[in-house]
PDB file of N, CA and C in Angstrom:
ATOM      1  N   UNK A   1      85.205   6.498  70.806  1.00  0.00           N
ATOM      2  CA  UNK A   1      85.606   7.801  70.297  1.00  0.00           C
ATOM      3  C   UNK A   1      84.428   8.763  70.410  1.00  0.00           C
ATOM      4  N   UNK A   2      84.674   9.943  70.911  1.00  0.00           N
ATOM      5  CA  UNK A   2      83.621  10.932  71.125  1.00  0.00           C
ATOM      6  C   UNK A   2      83.185  11.555  69.799  1.00  0.00           C
ATOM      7  N   UNK A   3      81.887  11.821  69.714  1.00  0.00           N
ATOM      8  CA  UNK A   3      81.341  12.469  68.531  1.00  0.00           C
ATOM      9  C   UNK A   3      81.741  13.932  68.504  1.00  0.00           C
ATOM     10  N   UNK A   4      81.964  14.473  67.309  1.00  0.00           N
ATOM     11  CA  UNK A   4      82.270  15.900  67.157  1.00  0.00           C
ATOM     12  C   UNK A   4      81.031  16.698  67.535  1.00  0.00           C
ATOM     13  N   UNK A   5      81.224  17.722  68.329  1.00  0.00           N
ATOM     14  CA  UNK A   5      80.109  18.570  68.730  1.00  0.00           C
ATOM     15  C   UNK A   5      79.746  19.481  67.559  1.00  0.00           C
ATOM     16  N   UNK A   6      78.482  19.419  67.150  1.00  0.00           N
ATOM     17  CA  UNK A   6      78.022  20.199  66.011  1.00  0.00           C
ATOM     18  C   UNK A   6      77.703  21.630  66.424  1.00  0.00           C
ATOM     19  N   UNK A   7      77.932  22.549  65.501  1.00  0.00           N
ATOM     20  CA  UNK A   7      77.580  23.944  65.741  1.00  0.00           C
ATOM     21  C   UNK A   7      76.070  24.103  65.555  1.00  0.00           C
ATOM     22  N   UNK A   8      75.565  25.266  65.946  1.00  0.00           N
ATOM     23  CA  UNK A   8      74.152  25.579  65.758  1.00  0.00           C
ATOM     24  C   UNK A   8      73.779  25.442  64.279  1.00  0.00           C
ATOM     25  N   UNK A   9      74.605  26.019  63.419  1.00  0.00           N
ATOM     26  CA  UNK A   9      74.337  25.991  61.987  1.00  0.00           C
ATOM     27  C   UNK A   9      74.340  24.566  61.430  1.00  0.00           C
ATOM     28  N   UNK A  10      75.283  23.751  61.894  1.00  0.00           N
ATOM     29  CA  UNK A  10      75.348  22.357  61.446  1.00  0.00           C
ATOM     30  C   UNK A  10      74.118  21.572  61.901  1.00  0.00           C
ATOM     31  N   UNK A  11      73.661  21.852  63.118  1.00  0.00           N
ATOM     32  CA  UNK A  11      72.454  21.185  63.621  1.00  0.00           C
ATOM     33  C   UNK A  11      71.230  21.603  62.818  1.00  0.00           C
ATOM     34  N   UNK A  12      71.146  22.890  62.462  1.00  0.00           N
ATOM     35  CA  UNK A  12      70.029  23.373  61.642  1.00  0.00           C
ATOM     36  C   UNK A  12      70.045  22.700  60.268  1.00  0.00           C
ATOM     37  N   UNK A  13      71.210  22.597  59.681  1.00  0.00           N
ATOM     38  CA  UNK A  13      71.363  21.938  58.375  1.00  0.00           C
ATOM     39  C   UNK A  13      70.932  20.469  58.452  1.00  0.00           C
ATOM     40  N   UNK A  14      71.381  19.798  59.495  1.00  0.00           N
ATOM     41  CA  UNK A  14      71.029  18.388  59.676  1.00  0.00           C
ATOM     42  C   UNK A  14      69.517  18.230  59.857  1.00  0.00           C
ATOM     43  N   UNK A  15      68.914  19.113  60.640  1.00  0.00           N
ATOM     44  CA  UNK A  15      67.473  19.077  60.854  1.00  0.00           C
ATOM     45  C   UNK A  15      66.731  19.308  59.539  1.00  0.00           C
ATOM     46  N   UNK A  16      67.193  20.247  58.767  1.00  0.00           N
ATOM     47  CA  UNK A  16      66.573  20.536  57.476  1.00  0.00           C
ATOM     48  C   UNK A  16      66.613  19.315  56.548  1.00  0.00           C
ATOM     49  N   UNK A  17      67.746  18.630  56.535  1.00  0.00           N
ATOM     50  CA  UNK A  17      67.887  17.433  55.695  1.00  0.00           C
ATOM     51  C   UNK A  17      66.935  16.326  56.168  1.00  0.00           C
ATOM     52  N   UNK A  18      66.828  16.170  57.476  1.00  0.00           N
ATOM     53  CA  UNK A  18      65.927  15.155  58.024  1.00  0.00           C
ATOM     54  C   UNK A  18      64.486  15.456  57.626  1.00  0.00           C
ATOM     55  N   UNK A  19      64.083  16.710  57.763  1.00  0.00           N
ATOM     56  CA  UNK A  19      62.718  17.105  57.401  1.00  0.00           C
ATOM     57  C   UNK A  19      62.461  16.806  55.924  1.00  0.00           C
ATOM     58  N   UNK A  20      63.424  17.127  55.076  1.00  0.00           N
ATOM     59  CA  UNK A  20      63.280  16.860  53.642  1.00  0.00           C
ATOM     60  C   UNK A  20      63.136  15.373  53.357  1.00  0.00           C
ATOM     61  N   UNK A  21      63.937  14.566  54.055  1.00  0.00           N
ATOM     62  CA  UNK A  21      63.858  13.121  53.860  1.00  0.00           C
ATOM     63  C   UNK A  21      62.499  12.574  54.269  1.00  0.00           C
ATOM     64  N   UNK A  22      62.015  13.014  55.420  1.00  0.00           N
ATOM     65  CA  UNK A  22      60.720  12.537  55.911  1.00  0.00           C
ATOM     66  C   UNK A  22      59.606  13.005  54.976  1.00  0.00           C
ATOM     67  N   UNK A  23      59.678  14.262  54.545  1.00  0.00           N
ATOM     68  CA  UNK A  23      58.654  14.826  53.659  1.00  0.00           C
ATOM     69  C   UNK A  23      58.625  14.154  52.286  1.00  0.00           C
ATOM     70  N   UNK A  24      59.739  13.571  51.881  1.00  0.00           N
ATOM     71  CA  UNK A  24      59.804  12.944  50.559  1.00  0.00           C
ATOM     72  C   UNK A  24      58.829  11.772  50.434  1.00  0.00           C
ATOM     73  N   UNK A  25      58.507  11.144  51.569  1.00  0.00           N
ATOM     74  CA  UNK A  25      57.609   9.997  51.542  1.00  0.00           C
ATOM     75  C   UNK A  25      58.242   8.733  50.997  1.00  0.00           C
ATOM     76  N   UNK A  26      59.537   8.753  50.787  1.00  0.00           N
ATOM     77  CA  UNK A  26      60.236   7.608  50.197  1.00  0.00           C
ATOM     78  C   UNK A  26      60.808   6.643  51.237  1.00  0.00           C
ATOM     79  N   UNK A  27      60.724   6.995  52.506  1.00  0.00           N
ATOM     80  CA  UNK A  27      61.304   6.169  53.563  1.00  0.00           C
ATOM     81  C   UNK A  27      60.267   5.211  54.118  1.00  0.00           C
ATOM     82  N   UNK A  28      60.757   4.069  54.608  1.00  0.00           N
ATOM     83  CA  UNK A  28      59.829   3.173  55.289  1.00  0.00           C
ATOM     84  C   UNK A  28      59.548   3.724  56.689  1.00  0.00           C
ATOM     85  N   UNK A  29      58.542   3.175  57.329  1.00  0.00           N
ATOM     86  CA  UNK A  29      58.091   3.691  58.624  1.00  0.00           C
ATOM     87  C   UNK A  29      59.193   3.650  59.669  1.00  0.00           C
ATOM     88  N   UNK A  30      59.928   2.563  59.724  1.00  0.00           N
ATOM     89  CA  UNK A  30      60.987   2.424  60.740  1.00  0.00           C
ATOM     90  C   UNK A  30      62.050   3.508  60.586  1.00  0.00           C
ATOM     91  N   UNK A  31      62.485   3.759  59.352  1.00  0.00           N
ATOM     92  CA  UNK A  31      63.496   4.782  59.101  1.00  0.00           C
ATOM     93  C   UNK A  31      62.933   6.171  59.413  1.00  0.00           C
ATOM     94  N   UNK A  32      61.677   6.400  59.050  1.00  0.00           N
ATOM     95  CA  UNK A  32      61.037   7.685  59.333  1.00  0.00           C
ATOM     96  C   UNK A  32      60.976   7.949  60.833  1.00  0.00           C
ATOM     97  N   UNK A  33      60.622   6.934  61.602  1.00  0.00           N
ATOM     98  CA  UNK A  33      60.543   7.087  63.054  1.00  0.00           C
ATOM     99  C   UNK A  33      61.915   7.346  63.668  1.00  0.00           C
ATOM    100  N   UNK A  34      62.928   6.670  63.140  1.00  0.00           N
ATOM    101  CA  UNK A  34      64.290   6.882  63.639  1.00  0.00           C
ATOM    102  C   UNK A  34      64.723   8.326  63.371  1.00  0.00           C
ATOM    103  N   UNK A  35      64.450   8.806  62.167  1.00  0.00           N
ATOM    104  CA  UNK A  35      64.804  10.185  61.827  1.00  0.00           C
ATOM    105  C   UNK A  35      63.988  11.185  62.639  1.00  0.00           C
ATOM    106  N   UNK A  36      62.718  10.860  62.890  1.00  0.00           N
ATOM    107  CA  UNK A  36      61.873  11.726  63.709  1.00  0.00           C
ATOM    108  C   UNK A  36      62.470  11.887  65.107  1.00  0.00           C
ATOM    109  N   UNK A  37      62.909  10.781  65.700  1.00  0.00           N
ATOM    110  CA  UNK A  37      63.535  10.834  67.027  1.00  0.00           C
ATOM    111  C   UNK A  37      64.805  11.682  67.002  1.00  0.00           C
ATOM    112  N   UNK A  38      65.591  11.523  65.946  1.00  0.00           N
ATOM    113  CA  UNK A  38      66.821  12.315  65.806  1.00  0.00           C
ATOM    114  C   UNK A  38      66.475  13.803  65.673  1.00  0.00           C
ATOM    115  N   UNK A  39      65.431  14.100  64.912  1.00  0.00           N
ATOM    116  CA  UNK A  39      64.989  15.488  64.734  1.00  0.00           C
ATOM    117  C   UNK A  39      64.541  16.080  66.069  1.00  0.00           C
ATOM    118  N   UNK A  40      63.833  15.314  66.870  1.00  0.00           N
ATOM    119  CA  UNK A  40      63.370  15.793  68.174  1.00  0.00           C
ATOM    120  C   UNK A  40      64.553  16.169  69.059  1.00  0.00           C
ATOM    121  N   UNK A  41      65.609  15.368  69.033  1.00  0.00           N
ATOM    122  CA  UNK A  41      66.811  15.670  69.812  1.00  0.00           C
ATOM    123  C   UNK A  41      67.476  16.952  69.319  1.00  0.00           C
ATOM    124  N   UNK A  42      67.542  17.096  68.000  1.00  0.00           N
ATOM    125  CA  UNK A  42      68.130  18.308  67.437  1.00  0.00           C
ATOM    126  C   UNK A  42      67.318  19.537  67.833  1.00  0.00           C
ATOM    127  N   UNK A  43      65.997  19.442  67.771  1.00  0.00           N
ATOM    128  CA  UNK A  43      65.129  20.559  68.144  1.00  0.00           C
ATOM    129  C   UNK A  43      65.353  20.932  69.608  1.00  0.00           C
ATOM    130  N   UNK A  44      65.478  19.929  70.452  1.00  0.00           N
ATOM    131  CA  UNK A  44      65.731  20.180  71.883  1.00  0.00           C
ATOM    132  C   UNK A  44      67.068  20.902  72.062  1.00  0.00           C
ATOM    133  N   UNK A  45      68.109  20.402  71.396  1.00  0.00           N
ATOM    134  CA  UNK A  45      69.441  21.021  71.495  1.00  0.00           C
ATOM    135  C   UNK A  45      69.419  22.457  70.978  1.00  0.00           C
ATOM    136  N   UNK A  46      68.763  22.671  69.851  1.00  0.00           N
ATOM    137  CA  UNK A  46      68.692  24.011  69.267  1.00  0.00           C
ATOM    138  C   UNK A  46      67.941  24.971  70.190  1.00  0.00           C
ATOM    139  N   UNK A  47      66.884  24.499  70.800  1.00  0.00           N
ATOM    140  CA  UNK A  47      66.130  25.317  71.743  1.00  0.00           C
ATOM    141  C   UNK A  47      66.979  25.737  72.927  1.00  0.00           C
ATOM    142  N   UNK A  48      67.790  24.807  73.427  1.00  0.00           N
ATOM    143  CA  UNK A  48      68.668  25.119  74.551  1.00  0.00           C
ATOM    144  C   UNK A  48      69.719  26.158  74.158  1.00  0.00           C
ATOM    145  N   UNK A  49      70.265  26.026  72.961  1.00  0.00           N
ATOM    146  CA  UNK A  49      71.258  26.988  72.477  1.00  0.00           C
ATOM    147  C   UNK A  49      70.630  28.373  72.371  1.00  0.00           C
ATOM    148  N   UNK A  50      69.420  28.438  71.835  1.00  0.00           N
ATOM    149  CA  UNK A  50      68.722  29.723  71.691  1.00  0.00           C
ATOM    150  C   UNK A  50      68.435  30.337  73.057  1.00  0.00           C
ATOM    151  N   UNK A  51      67.997  29.530  74.001  1.00  0.00           N
ATOM    152  CA  UNK A  51      67.716  30.045  75.348  1.00  0.00           C
ATOM    153  C   UNK A  51      68.970  30.602  76.005  1.00  0.00           C
ATOM    154  N   UNK A  52      70.095  29.899  75.857  1.00  0.00           N
ATOM    155  CA  UNK A  52      71.355  30.386  76.426  1.00  0.00           C
ATOM    156  C   UNK A  52      71.769  31.707  75.785  1.00  0.00           C
ATOM    157  N   UNK A  53      71.568  31.811  74.483  1.00  0.00           N
ATOM    158  CA  UNK A  53      71.910  33.063  73.782  1.00  0.00           C
ATOM    159  C   UNK A  53      71.007  34.205  74.265  1.00  0.00           C
ATOM    160  N   UNK A  54      69.723  33.926  74.461  1.00  0.00           N
ATOM    161  CA  UNK A  54      68.801  34.951  74.961  1.00  0.00           C
ATOM    162  C   UNK A  54      69.221  35.424  76.354  1.00  0.00           C
ATOM    163  N   UNK A  55      69.614  34.489  77.216  1.00  0.00           N
ATOM    164  CA  UNK A  55      70.053  34.845  78.560  1.00  0.00           C
ATOM    165  C   UNK A  55      71.282  35.757  78.507  1.00  0.00           C
ATOM    166  N   UNK A  56      72.230  35.427  77.622  1.00  0.00           N
ATOM    167  CA  UNK A  56      73.431  36.250  77.481  1.00  0.00           C
ATOM    168  C   UNK A  56      73.067  37.656  77.021  1.00  0.00           C
ATOM    169  N   UNK A  57      72.152  37.745  76.077  1.00  0.00           N
ATOM    170  CA  UNK A  57      71.762  39.056  75.545  1.00  0.00           C
ATOM    171  C   UNK A  57      71.018  39.885  76.579  1.00  0.00           C
ATOM    172  N   UNK A  58      70.288  39.247  77.454  1.00  0.00           N
ATOM    173  CA  UNK A  58      69.536  39.957  78.470  1.00  0.00           C
ATOM    174  C   UNK A  58      70.402  40.465  79.616  1.00  0.00           C
ATOM    175  N   UNK A  59      71.627  39.978  79.735  1.00  0.00           N
ATOM    176  CA  UNK A  59      72.514  40.398  80.825  1.00  0.00           C
ATOM    177  C   UNK A  59      73.134  41.734  80.569  1.00  0.00           C
TER     178      UNK A  59
END
């Protein structure tokens, strides 16, 4: 089953939650690293969305 495609806002919310979890210091190293990798993917996706929006605005 395909995953639901998240909106920009949903991705930002998810990233914010991940950052809060990592910053809490309550996670073990393995979980922190897994969340870090997930955050990196979200940052990449968000950057691509922003770049596409900038291109549209420049046209």
